[in-house]
Amino acid sequence: MIKALKLGHVVLKVRDAVKSKEFYTRTLGLQVAHEGVRLQQRTVFLSFGREHHELALFQLATGEAPEATQPGLHHMAWQLGSLEELRTAYGELKTMGVPIESTLKHNVTRSIYFHDPDGNRVELYCDMVENGFETMRTLGSRRDPLDFEQE
């Protein structure tokens, strides 16, 4: 059996690599590791500075985003260090004018969901339990509303 070490990176097909680069550097704090043109398409490789890249943007997409019921990416999740960091991120997203789709309490995390310029769903989350694998195995998943405005 193949045993991968971790998810290395995500590559998104985007309509406008510059616009998406600005979105991800602004909302997640990613840095440009490399930007250029490959096979006549703009490419951007983004990193937090530890890996060659965590996210790559290939300007290949045209047309509208797929319908919610079509196969494809449901969302990508980016981990923060604490609930306080998540709460701060919520305020920053609001200040930036990024529409927030939802904020949820899961059994293992607290999460904020929003969309990038191409309609890809993005999650910011923080872990809430020591052993997420065991908690997920025993309690399953949960989706309860989380109201940062009231907390």
Protein backbone atom coordinates (compact mmCIF):
# COMPACT_ATOMS: atom_id res chain seq x y z
CA MET A 1 0.00 0.00 0.00
CA ILE A 2 1.22 3.51 -0.79
CA LYS A 3 1.60 5.63 2.34
CA ALA A 4 1.95 9.27 1.40
CA LEU A 5 3.52 11.50 4.05
CA LYS A 6 1.18 14.47 3.66
CA LEU A 7 -0.75 16.54 1.17
CA GLY A 8 1.98 18.53 -0.53
CA HIS A 9 0.16 21.21 -2.46
CA VAL A 10 -3.00 22.16 -4.33
CA VAL A 11 -3.07 23.50 -7.89
CA LEU A 12 -6.08 25.53 -9.00
CA LYS A 13 -7.16 26.42 -12.52
CA VAL A 14 -8.08 30.10 -12.33
CA ARG A 15 -9.40 32.73 -14.74
CA ASP A 16 -7.02 35.50 -13.62
CA ALA A 17 -3.79 34.45 -11.90
CA VAL A 18 -2.93 38.00 -10.83
CA LYS A 19 -6.32 38.53 -9.20
CA SER A 20 -6.13 35.12 -7.47
CA LYS A 21 -2.55 35.80 -6.34
CA GLU A 22 -3.66 39.04 -4.72
CA PHE A 23 -6.58 37.26 -3.03
CA TYR A 24 -4.48 34.45 -1.54
CA THR A 25 -1.61 36.67 -0.44
CA ARG A 26 -4.08 39.05 1.21
CA THR A 27 -6.40 36.50 2.86
CA LEU A 28 -3.94 33.75 3.82
CA GLY A 29 -0.60 35.51 4.00
CA LEU A 30 0.99 33.36 1.29
CA GLN A 31 4.09 34.67 -0.46
CA VAL A 32 5.01 34.42 -4.12
CA ALA A 33 7.70 31.76 -4.56
CA HIS A 34 7.67 31.99 -8.35
CA GLU A 35 5.60 33.70 -11.00
CA GLY A 36 5.90 33.32 -14.73
CA VAL A 37 4.49 32.05 -17.98
CA ARG A 38 4.54 28.35 -18.79
CA LEU A 39 3.14 26.94 -22.02
CA GLN A 40 1.72 30.40 -22.76
CA GLN A 41 -0.26 30.41 -19.49
CA ARG A 42 0.44 32.57 -16.43
CA THR A 43 1.47 30.54 -13.36
CA VAL A 44 1.93 31.59 -9.75
CA PHE A 45 3.43 29.40 -7.01
CA LEU A 46 2.59 30.50 -3.46
CA SER A 47 4.19 29.46 -0.19
CA PHE A 48 4.32 30.26 3.51
CA GLY A 49 8.12 30.26 3.13
CA ARG A 50 8.81 26.73 4.36
CA GLU A 51 7.89 24.68 1.27
CA HIS A 52 8.54 25.32 -2.42
CA HIS A 53 4.78 25.90 -2.69
CA GLU A 54 1.54 25.03 -0.96
CA LEU A 55 -0.71 26.48 -3.64
CA ALA A 56 -0.19 26.99 -7.36
CA LEU A 57 -2.43 29.00 -9.65
CA PHE A 58 -2.57 28.14 -13.35
CA GLN A 59 -4.43 30.63 -15.52
CA LEU A 60 -6.31 28.02 -17.56
CA ALA A 61 -9.96 28.46 -16.59
CA THR A 62 -12.63 30.15 -18.65
CA GLY A 63 -16.36 30.32 -18.22
CA GLU A 64 -18.34 29.93 -15.04
CA ALA A 65 -17.52 27.88 -11.96
CA PRO A 66 -19.02 24.36 -11.88
CA GLU A 67 -22.41 23.88 -10.25
CA ALA A 68 -22.33 22.82 -6.58
CA THR A 69 -23.52 19.31 -7.47
CA GLN A 70 -20.84 18.66 -10.10
CA PRO A 71 -17.71 16.64 -9.24
CA GLY A 72 -14.65 18.61 -8.24
CA LEU A 73 -13.10 20.41 -5.32
CA HIS A 74 -15.50 20.93 -2.40
CA HIS A 75 -13.09 23.13 -0.42
CA MET A 76 -9.51 23.52 0.68
CA ALA A 77 -8.72 24.03 4.37
CA TRP A 78 -5.94 26.15 5.85
CA GLN A 79 -5.04 25.64 9.50
CA LEU A 80 -4.52 28.47 11.97
CA GLY A 81 -2.85 28.07 15.36
CA SER A 82 -5.67 28.90 17.77
CA LEU A 83 -9.27 29.97 18.19
CA GLU A 84 -8.05 33.50 18.88
CA GLU A 85 -6.23 33.54 15.52
CA LEU A 86 -9.41 32.30 13.85
CA ARG A 87 -11.46 35.02 15.54
CA THR A 88 -8.91 37.64 14.38
CA ALA A 89 -9.00 36.21 10.84
CA TYR A 90 -12.80 36.53 10.86
CA GLY A 91 -12.48 40.24 11.63
CA GLU A 92 -9.79 40.72 8.99
CA LEU A 93 -11.87 39.00 6.30
CA LYS A 94 -14.83 41.24 7.17
CA THR A 95 -12.58 44.32 7.03
CA MET A 96 -11.26 43.24 3.60
CA GLY A 97 -14.83 42.88 2.34
CA VAL A 98 -14.52 39.12 1.76
CA PRO A 99 -18.04 37.66 1.93
CA ILE A 100 -18.16 34.91 4.56
CA GLU A 101 -20.31 31.94 3.61
CA SER A 102 -20.49 30.38 7.08
CA THR A 103 -18.79 29.91 10.43
CA LEU A 104 -19.16 26.47 12.00
CA LYS A 105 -18.38 24.40 15.07
CA HIS A 106 -17.24 20.93 14.08
CA ASN A 107 -16.37 18.21 16.59
CA VAL A 108 -12.67 18.66 15.92
CA THR A 109 -12.38 22.22 14.59
CA ARG A 110 -13.88 25.69 14.44
CA SER A 111 -14.11 26.96 10.87
CA ILE A 112 -14.74 29.94 8.60
CA TYR A 113 -15.79 29.34 4.97
CA PHE A 114 -15.57 31.79 2.07
CA HIS A 115 -14.92 31.74 -1.70
CA ASP A 116 -12.00 32.84 -3.84
CA PRO A 117 -12.45 34.92 -7.04
CA ASP A 118 -13.13 31.73 -9.07
CA GLY A 119 -15.73 30.37 -6.67
CA ASN A 120 -13.46 27.82 -4.97
CA ARG A 121 -14.53 27.30 -1.38
CA VAL A 122 -11.82 28.10 1.19
CA GLU A 123 -11.82 27.12 4.87
CA LEU A 124 -9.78 28.64 7.66
CA TYR A 125 -9.83 26.45 10.76
CA CYS A 126 -8.25 25.74 14.12
CA ASP A 127 -8.15 22.39 15.86
CA MET A 128 -10.11 22.11 19.10
CA VAL A 129 -9.07 18.65 20.32
CA GLU A 130 -5.75 16.96 21.04
CA ASN A 131 -6.45 13.80 19.05
CA GLY A 132 -8.60 14.75 16.06
CA PHE A 133 -8.35 11.31 14.46
CA GLU A 134 -9.78 9.54 17.52
CA THR A 135 -12.45 12.22 18.05
CA MET A 136 -13.57 11.92 14.43
CA ARG A 137 -13.65 8.12 14.69
CA THR A 138 -15.76 8.13 17.86
CA LEU A 139 -17.97 11.22 17.45
CA GLY A 140 -18.08 11.68 13.67
CA SER A 141 -18.59 15.07 12.11
CA ARG A 142 -20.78 17.92 13.27
CA ARG A 143 -21.91 21.20 11.71
CA ASP A 144 -23.27 23.63 14.28
CA PRO A 145 -23.42 27.38 13.70
CA LEU A 146 -20.66 29.52 15.19
CA ASP A 147 -21.34 33.22 15.73
CA PHE A 148 -18.14 35.24 16.15
CA GLU A 149 -20.25 38.39 16.48
CA GLN A 150 -21.85 37.08 19.71
CA GLU A 151 -18.74 35.50 21.27
